[in-house]
Amino acid sequence: MRNSTAKNSVIVTTLLSALFFCSIIVLASLSPLADSGPNVNTFGSVGMWLSLGMILFLYLLPLTFYLLGMHFLKFVMAAFCSIGLLIAASTLLLMPALFLFGLEDFSGSLSSIIGIMISCLGLLITNIVWFVAAFKRPSATVQESV
């Protein structure tokens, strides 16, 4: 019973993490970040769709094999989850800095920055919950003597 519940928790948090990561990509392509350089994805561009496809592929391929019984892929997923934590934390810290001290284009786009920050915070929380769900030890059952 515990194994099924743990597996379901890993599935749900992995899919939620993928959703938050994809929302960061989409919101960043809608923000002034999309105009900050020549190699940045703009909304609806081929680069944005390729980025979303790559993210979903990197989330869903290990998850699929994990569901098929290859439980060692939990460690591969943990590596990707760690990278996601690093990306979300750095983006979460970078957005206010860009708004306050950065590009002139950011001064009027507080709503897009807040949207990216909310998605990053959601990704951070989800990835932390993923680690707990994936690596939580089963609790010892106390047997009562009759």
N, C-alpha and C. Protein backbone atom coordinates (compact mmCIF):
# COMPACT_ATOMS: atom_id res chain seq x y z
N MET A 1 0.82 -1.20 0.00
CA MET A 1 0.00 0.00 0.00
C MET A 1 0.86 1.26 0.00
N ARG A 2 1.89 1.27 0.81
CA ARG A 2 2.78 2.43 0.90
C ARG A 2 3.49 2.68 -0.41
N ASN A 3 3.90 1.61 -1.11
CA ASN A 3 4.63 1.75 -2.36
C ASN A 3 3.76 2.41 -3.41
N SER A 4 2.48 2.06 -3.46
CA SER A 4 1.55 2.64 -4.42
C SER A 4 1.32 4.12 -4.12
N THR A 5 1.17 4.47 -2.85
CA THR A 5 0.98 5.86 -2.46
C THR A 5 2.22 6.69 -2.76
N ALA A 6 3.38 6.14 -2.49
CA ALA A 6 4.63 6.85 -2.77
C ALA A 6 4.80 7.06 -4.26
N LYS A 7 4.46 6.04 -5.04
CA LYS A 7 4.59 6.15 -6.50
C LYS A 7 3.62 7.21 -7.04
N ASN A 8 2.40 7.23 -6.53
CA ASN A 8 1.43 8.24 -6.95
C ASN A 8 1.90 9.65 -6.59
N SER A 9 2.50 9.80 -5.41
CA SER A 9 3.02 11.11 -5.01
C SER A 9 4.13 11.56 -5.94
N VAL A 10 5.00 10.65 -6.32
CA VAL A 10 6.08 10.98 -7.24
C VAL A 10 5.52 11.38 -8.60
N ILE A 11 4.51 10.67 -9.07
CA ILE A 11 3.89 10.99 -10.36
C ILE A 11 3.27 12.37 -10.34
N VAL A 12 2.46 12.64 -9.32
CA VAL A 12 1.76 13.93 -9.25
C VAL A 12 2.74 15.09 -9.12
N THR A 13 3.73 14.96 -8.25
CA THR A 13 4.67 16.07 -8.07
C THR A 13 5.57 16.24 -9.29
N THR A 14 5.89 15.17 -9.99
CA THR A 14 6.69 15.30 -11.22
C THR A 14 5.90 16.05 -12.28
N LEU A 15 4.64 15.69 -12.46
CA LEU A 15 3.81 16.37 -13.46
C LEU A 15 3.56 17.83 -13.09
N LEU A 16 3.38 18.09 -11.82
CA LEU A 16 3.19 19.47 -11.36
C LEU A 16 4.47 20.28 -11.55
N SER A 17 5.61 19.68 -11.30
CA SER A 17 6.88 20.34 -11.52
C SER A 17 7.07 20.67 -13.00
N ALA A 18 6.71 19.73 -13.87
CA ALA A 18 6.81 19.97 -15.32
C ALA A 18 5.91 21.13 -15.73
N LEU A 19 4.71 21.19 -15.15
CA LEU A 19 3.79 22.27 -15.46
C LEU A 19 4.36 23.63 -15.03
N PHE A 20 4.92 23.70 -13.83
CA PHE A 20 5.52 24.96 -13.38
C PHE A 20 6.71 25.35 -14.24
N PHE A 21 7.55 24.38 -14.61
CA PHE A 21 8.73 24.69 -15.42
C PHE A 21 8.30 25.20 -16.79
N CYS A 22 7.30 24.57 -17.39
CA CYS A 22 6.80 25.04 -18.68
C CYS A 22 6.17 26.43 -18.57
N SER A 23 5.49 26.69 -17.46
CA SER A 23 4.90 28.01 -17.29
C SER A 23 5.97 29.09 -17.15
N ILE A 24 7.11 28.75 -16.56
CA ILE A 24 8.21 29.71 -16.48
C ILE A 24 8.71 30.05 -17.88
N ILE A 25 8.85 29.04 -18.72
CA ILE A 25 9.30 29.28 -20.10
C ILE A 25 8.31 30.16 -20.85
N VAL A 26 7.03 29.86 -20.73
CA VAL A 26 6.01 30.63 -21.45
C VAL A 26 5.95 32.06 -20.92
N LEU A 27 5.94 32.22 -19.60
CA LEU A 27 5.86 33.57 -19.04
C LEU A 27 7.12 34.38 -19.34
N ALA A 28 8.26 33.75 -19.36
CA ALA A 28 9.49 34.47 -19.71
C ALA A 28 9.47 34.90 -21.17
N SER A 29 8.84 34.10 -22.02
CA SER A 29 8.76 34.49 -23.44
C SER A 29 7.77 35.63 -23.65
N LEU A 30 6.88 35.84 -22.70
CA LEU A 30 5.93 36.95 -22.77
C LEU A 30 6.45 38.22 -22.08
N SER A 31 7.49 38.09 -21.30
CA SER A 31 8.00 39.22 -20.53
C SER A 31 9.05 39.99 -21.34
N PRO A 32 9.54 41.09 -20.80
CA PRO A 32 10.61 41.83 -21.46
C PRO A 32 11.91 41.03 -21.59
N LEU A 33 12.02 39.91 -20.89
CA LEU A 33 13.19 39.06 -21.07
C LEU A 33 13.31 38.59 -22.51
N ALA A 34 12.18 38.46 -23.20
CA ALA A 34 12.19 37.99 -24.58
C ALA A 34 12.85 38.99 -25.52
N ASP A 35 12.99 40.23 -25.09
CA ASP A 35 13.62 41.26 -25.92
C ASP A 35 15.03 41.59 -25.45
N SER A 36 15.57 40.81 -24.52
CA SER A 36 16.85 41.17 -23.92
C SER A 36 18.07 40.67 -24.68
N GLY A 37 17.90 39.88 -25.70
CA GLY A 37 19.07 39.40 -26.45
C GLY A 37 18.68 38.70 -27.73
N PRO A 38 19.66 38.40 -28.56
CA PRO A 38 19.35 37.80 -29.86
C PRO A 38 18.98 36.31 -29.77
N ASN A 39 19.36 35.62 -28.71
CA ASN A 39 19.13 34.19 -28.60
C ASN A 39 18.04 33.83 -27.61
N VAL A 40 17.12 34.73 -27.38
CA VAL A 40 16.06 34.52 -26.40
C VAL A 40 14.79 34.12 -27.13
N ASN A 41 14.04 33.20 -26.53
CA ASN A 41 12.79 32.74 -27.13
C ASN A 41 11.68 33.76 -26.93
N THR A 42 10.99 34.08 -28.00
CA THR A 42 9.81 34.91 -27.90
C THR A 42 8.59 34.01 -27.96
N PHE A 43 7.46 34.51 -27.48
CA PHE A 43 6.26 33.69 -27.40
C PHE A 43 5.83 33.22 -28.79
N GLY A 44 5.58 31.93 -28.90
CA GLY A 44 5.12 31.34 -30.15
C GLY A 44 6.22 30.99 -31.13
N SER A 45 7.46 31.29 -30.78
CA SER A 45 8.56 30.99 -31.71
C SER A 45 8.88 29.51 -31.67
N VAL A 46 9.61 29.07 -32.68
CA VAL A 46 10.02 27.67 -32.75
C VAL A 46 10.91 27.33 -31.56
N GLY A 47 11.76 28.26 -31.16
CA GLY A 47 12.65 28.03 -30.02
C GLY A 47 11.89 27.80 -28.73
N MET A 48 10.80 28.55 -28.53
CA MET A 48 10.00 28.36 -27.32
C MET A 48 9.36 26.98 -27.33
N TRP A 49 8.80 26.56 -28.46
CA TRP A 49 8.16 25.25 -28.55
C TRP A 49 9.18 24.13 -28.41
N LEU A 50 10.37 24.32 -28.95
CA LEU A 50 11.42 23.32 -28.77
C LEU A 50 11.85 23.22 -27.31
N SER A 51 11.92 24.36 -26.65
CA SER A 51 12.26 24.36 -25.22
C SER A 51 11.21 23.62 -24.41
N LEU A 52 9.94 23.89 -24.69
CA LEU A 52 8.86 23.19 -23.98
C LEU A 52 8.90 21.69 -24.27
N GLY A 53 9.13 21.33 -25.52
CA GLY A 53 9.22 19.92 -25.88
C GLY A 53 10.37 19.22 -25.19
N MET A 54 11.52 19.89 -25.11
CA MET A 54 12.68 19.29 -24.46
C MET A 54 12.42 19.11 -22.96
N ILE A 55 11.81 20.10 -22.35
CA ILE A 55 11.51 20.01 -20.92
C ILE A 55 10.54 18.86 -20.66
N LEU A 56 9.49 18.77 -21.45
CA LEU A 56 8.52 17.68 -21.25
C LEU A 56 9.15 16.32 -21.51
N PHE A 57 10.03 16.24 -22.50
CA PHE A 57 10.72 14.99 -22.79
C PHE A 57 11.60 14.57 -21.61
N LEU A 58 12.35 15.55 -21.06
CA LEU A 58 13.24 15.23 -19.94
C LEU A 58 12.48 14.91 -18.65
N TYR A 59 11.26 15.38 -18.54
CA TYR A 59 10.43 15.02 -17.39
C TYR A 59 9.74 13.68 -17.60
N LEU A 60 9.15 13.49 -18.77
CA LEU A 60 8.27 12.35 -18.98
C LEU A 60 9.00 11.05 -19.30
N LEU A 61 10.16 11.11 -19.93
CA LEU A 61 10.87 9.88 -20.26
C LEU A 61 11.32 9.13 -18.99
N PRO A 62 12.04 9.79 -18.06
CA PRO A 62 12.39 9.05 -16.84
C PRO A 62 11.16 8.64 -16.02
N LEU A 63 10.13 9.48 -16.02
CA LEU A 63 8.91 9.14 -15.28
C LEU A 63 8.26 7.89 -15.86
N THR A 64 8.23 7.78 -17.17
CA THR A 64 7.65 6.61 -17.83
C THR A 64 8.40 5.34 -17.44
N PHE A 65 9.72 5.39 -17.50
CA PHE A 65 10.50 4.21 -17.14
C PHE A 65 10.40 3.90 -15.64
N TYR A 66 10.26 4.95 -14.82
CA TYR A 66 10.04 4.75 -13.39
C TYR A 66 8.72 4.01 -13.16
N LEU A 67 7.70 4.38 -13.91
CA LEU A 67 6.40 3.72 -13.78
C LEU A 67 6.45 2.28 -14.26
N LEU A 68 7.36 2.00 -15.18
CA LEU A 68 7.50 0.63 -15.68
C LEU A 68 8.31 -0.26 -14.74
N GLY A 69 8.77 0.29 -13.63
CA GLY A 69 9.44 -0.52 -12.63
C GLY A 69 10.94 -0.28 -12.48
N MET A 70 11.49 0.62 -13.25
CA MET A 70 12.92 0.94 -13.12
C MET A 70 13.09 2.03 -12.06
N HIS A 71 13.06 1.61 -10.80
CA HIS A 71 13.05 2.56 -9.70
C HIS A 71 14.37 3.29 -9.50
N PHE A 72 15.46 2.80 -10.11
CA PHE A 72 16.74 3.51 -10.01
C PHE A 72 16.68 4.84 -10.76
N LEU A 73 15.71 5.01 -11.67
CA LEU A 73 15.59 6.27 -12.39
C LEU A 73 15.11 7.40 -11.49
N LYS A 74 14.71 7.04 -10.28
CA LYS A 74 14.36 8.06 -9.30
C LYS A 74 15.57 8.97 -9.04
N PHE A 75 16.77 8.40 -9.14
CA PHE A 75 17.98 9.19 -8.91
C PHE A 75 18.29 10.11 -10.10
N VAL A 76 17.97 9.67 -11.31
CA VAL A 76 18.10 10.53 -12.49
C VAL A 76 17.10 11.68 -12.38
N MET A 77 15.88 11.35 -11.97
CA MET A 77 14.87 12.38 -11.79
C MET A 77 15.28 13.35 -10.67
N ALA A 78 15.96 12.85 -9.66
CA ALA A 78 16.44 13.72 -8.59
C ALA A 78 17.50 14.69 -9.10
N ALA A 79 18.34 14.23 -10.03
CA ALA A 79 19.34 15.14 -10.62
C ALA A 79 18.65 16.25 -11.40
N PHE A 80 17.65 15.89 -12.20
CA PHE A 80 16.89 16.91 -12.95
C PHE A 80 16.14 17.83 -12.00
N CYS A 81 15.63 17.28 -10.92
CA CYS A 81 14.92 18.07 -9.93
C CYS A 81 15.86 19.08 -9.27
N SER A 82 17.08 18.66 -9.01
CA SER A 82 18.08 19.57 -8.43
C SER A 82 18.42 20.70 -9.38
N ILE A 83 18.53 20.38 -10.65
CA ILE A 83 18.79 21.42 -11.65
C ILE A 83 17.61 22.39 -11.70
N GLY A 84 16.39 21.85 -11.62
CA GLY A 84 15.20 22.70 -11.59
C GLY A 84 15.17 23.60 -10.36
N LEU A 85 15.60 23.08 -9.22
CA LEU A 85 15.69 23.90 -8.01
C LEU A 85 16.67 25.04 -8.19
N LEU A 86 17.80 24.74 -8.80
CA LEU A 86 18.81 25.77 -9.04
C LEU A 86 18.30 26.84 -10.01
N ILE A 87 17.65 26.42 -11.07
CA ILE A 87 17.11 27.37 -12.04
C ILE A 87 16.02 28.22 -11.41
N ALA A 88 15.12 27.59 -10.67
CA ALA A 88 14.02 28.34 -10.05
C ALA A 88 14.54 29.33 -9.01
N ALA A 89 15.49 28.90 -8.19
CA ALA A 89 16.02 29.79 -7.15
C ALA A 89 16.77 30.97 -7.77
N SER A 90 17.58 30.69 -8.78
CA SER A 90 18.34 31.79 -9.39
C SER A 90 17.40 32.75 -10.13
N THR A 91 16.39 32.23 -10.79
CA THR A 91 15.44 33.10 -11.48
C THR A 91 14.62 33.90 -10.48
N LEU A 92 14.25 33.27 -9.38
CA LEU A 92 13.48 33.96 -8.35
C LEU A 92 14.27 35.13 -7.76
N LEU A 93 15.57 34.96 -7.63
CA LEU A 93 16.41 36.04 -7.12
C LEU A 93 16.75 37.07 -8.19
N LEU A 94 16.79 36.65 -9.44
CA LEU A 94 17.18 37.54 -10.53
C LEU A 94 16.06 38.51 -10.91
N MET A 95 14.83 38.07 -10.84
CA MET A 95 13.72 38.92 -11.30
C MET A 95 13.61 40.25 -10.54
N PRO A 96 13.63 40.26 -9.21
CA PRO A 96 13.56 41.57 -8.53
C PRO A 96 14.78 42.44 -8.83
N ALA A 97 15.95 41.81 -8.99
CA ALA A 97 17.15 42.58 -9.30
C ALA A 97 17.03 43.23 -10.67
N LEU A 98 16.50 42.50 -11.64
CA LEU A 98 16.31 43.10 -12.97
C LEU A 98 15.29 44.22 -12.93
N PHE A 99 14.26 44.04 -12.13
CA PHE A 99 13.24 45.07 -12.03
C PHE A 99 13.79 46.33 -11.36
N LEU A 100 14.54 46.16 -10.29
CA LEU A 100 15.02 47.31 -9.53
C LEU A 100 16.25 47.98 -10.14
N PHE A 101 17.20 47.17 -10.62
CA PHE A 101 18.47 47.73 -11.05
C PHE A 101 18.79 47.49 -12.52
N GLY A 102 17.94 46.76 -13.19
CA GLY A 102 18.31 46.26 -14.51
C GLY A 102 17.84 47.10 -15.67
N LEU A 103 17.35 46.41 -16.62
CA LEU A 103 16.99 46.99 -17.90
C LEU A 103 15.85 48.00 -17.77
N GLU A 104 15.85 48.99 -18.63
CA GLU A 104 14.80 50.00 -18.61
C GLU A 104 13.45 49.40 -19.00
N ASP A 105 13.47 48.38 -19.83
CA ASP A 105 12.24 47.77 -20.30
C ASP A 105 11.44 47.11 -19.19
N PHE A 106 12.08 46.80 -18.07
CA PHE A 106 11.42 46.09 -16.99
C PHE A 106 10.57 46.99 -16.11
N SER A 107 10.73 48.30 -16.24
CA SER A 107 10.05 49.21 -15.31
C SER A 107 8.53 49.14 -15.40
N GLY A 108 7.97 48.86 -16.57
CA GLY A 108 6.53 48.84 -16.70
C GLY A 108 5.92 47.46 -16.71
N SER A 109 6.69 46.45 -16.42
CA SER A 109 6.18 45.08 -16.57
C SER A 109 6.22 44.31 -15.25
N LEU A 110 5.75 44.93 -14.21
CA LEU A 110 5.75 44.29 -12.90
C LEU A 110 4.89 43.03 -12.88
N SER A 111 3.78 43.03 -13.62
CA SER A 111 2.89 41.86 -13.61
C SER A 111 3.57 40.64 -14.22
N SER A 112 4.34 40.80 -15.28
CA SER A 112 5.01 39.63 -15.87
C SER A 112 6.12 39.13 -14.95
N ILE A 113 6.79 40.03 -14.25
CA ILE A 113 7.83 39.62 -13.32
C ILE A 113 7.22 38.88 -12.14
N ILE A 114 6.09 39.36 -11.65
CA ILE A 114 5.41 38.68 -10.54
C ILE A 114 4.93 37.30 -10.98
N GLY A 115 4.43 37.18 -12.21
CA GLY A 115 4.00 35.89 -12.73
C GLY A 115 5.14 34.89 -12.79
N ILE A 116 6.30 35.33 -13.26
CA ILE A 116 7.47 34.46 -13.32
C ILE A 116 7.91 34.07 -11.90
N MET A 117 7.88 35.03 -11.00
CA MET A 117 8.29 34.74 -9.63
C MET A 117 7.34 33.76 -8.95
N ILE A 118 6.04 33.87 -9.20
CA ILE A 118 5.08 32.93 -8.62
C ILE A 118 5.32 31.53 -9.19
N SER A 119 5.58 31.44 -10.49
CA SER A 119 5.87 30.13 -11.09
C SER A 119 7.16 29.55 -10.53
N CYS A 120 8.17 30.38 -10.33
CA CYS A 120 9.43 29.90 -9.75
C CYS A 120 9.23 29.43 -8.32
N LEU A 121 8.44 30.16 -7.56
CA LEU A 121 8.15 29.75 -6.19
C LEU A 121 7.37 28.43 -6.18
N GLY A 122 6.42 28.29 -7.09
CA GLY A 122 5.69 27.03 -7.21
C GLY A 122 6.61 25.88 -7.58
N LEU A 123 7.56 26.13 -8.49
CA LEU A 123 8.52 25.10 -8.87
C LEU A 123 9.42 24.72 -7.71
N LEU A 124 9.87 25.72 -6.95
CA LEU A 124 10.70 25.44 -5.77
C LEU A 124 9.96 24.56 -4.77
N ILE A 125 8.75 24.95 -4.44
CA ILE A 125 7.97 24.19 -3.45
C ILE A 125 7.68 22.79 -3.97
N THR A 126 7.28 22.69 -5.23
CA THR A 126 6.96 21.38 -5.80
C THR A 126 8.18 20.46 -5.82
N ASN A 127 9.34 20.99 -6.18
CA ASN A 127 10.54 20.16 -6.24
C ASN A 127 10.99 19.72 -4.84
N ILE A 128 10.81 20.57 -3.86
CA ILE A 128 11.13 20.16 -2.49
C ILE A 128 10.17 19.06 -2.04
N VAL A 129 8.89 19.21 -2.35
CA VAL A 129 7.91 18.18 -2.02
C VAL A 129 8.23 16.89 -2.78
N TRP A 130 8.73 17.02 -4.02
CA TRP A 130 9.10 15.84 -4.79
C TRP A 130 10.19 15.04 -4.08
N PHE A 131 11.21 15.74 -3.57
CA PHE A 131 12.27 15.04 -2.84
C PHE A 131 11.72 14.31 -1.62
N VAL A 132 10.83 14.95 -0.91
CA VAL A 132 10.23 14.31 0.27
C VAL A 132 9.42 13.08 -0.16
N ALA A 133 8.62 13.23 -1.22
CA ALA A 133 7.78 12.12 -1.67
C ALA A 133 8.62 10.96 -2.23
N ALA A 134 9.69 11.28 -2.91
CA ALA A 134 10.47 10.24 -3.57
C ALA A 134 11.40 9.50 -2.61
N PHE A 135 11.92 10.20 -1.60
CA PHE A 135 12.93 9.59 -0.75
C PHE A 135 12.50 9.43 0.71
N LYS A 136 11.22 9.56 0.96
CA LYS A 136 10.71 9.39 2.33
C LYS A 136 10.78 7.91 2.70
N ARG A 137 11.32 7.66 3.86
CA ARG A 137 11.40 6.28 4.34
C ARG A 137 10.04 5.87 4.88
N PRO A 138 9.67 4.62 4.63
CA PRO A 138 8.40 4.17 5.20
C PRO A 138 8.48 4.13 6.71
N SER A 139 7.43 4.56 7.35
CA SER A 139 7.45 4.57 8.81
C SER A 139 7.30 3.15 9.34
N ALA A 140 7.95 2.92 10.43
CA ALA A 140 7.88 1.59 11.05
C ALA A 140 6.52 1.43 11.70
N THR A 141 5.94 0.29 11.49
CA THR A 141 4.64 0.03 12.10
C THR A 141 4.85 -0.55 13.48
N VAL A 142 4.10 -0.06 14.38
CA VAL A 142 4.18 -0.55 15.76
C VAL A 142 3.16 -1.67 15.91
N GLN A 143 3.67 -2.82 16.27
CA GLN A 143 2.79 -3.95 16.46
C GLN A 143 2.43 -4.06 17.94
N GLU A 144 1.17 -4.20 18.16
CA GLU A 144 0.71 -4.34 19.53
C GLU A 144 0.57 -5.82 19.84
N SER A 145 1.00 -6.17 21.01
CA SER A 145 0.82 -7.56 21.41
C SER A 145 -0.54 -7.70 22.08
N VAL A 146 -1.19 -8.76 21.76
CA VAL A 146 -2.54 -8.97 22.29
C VAL A 146 -2.49 -9.94 23.43
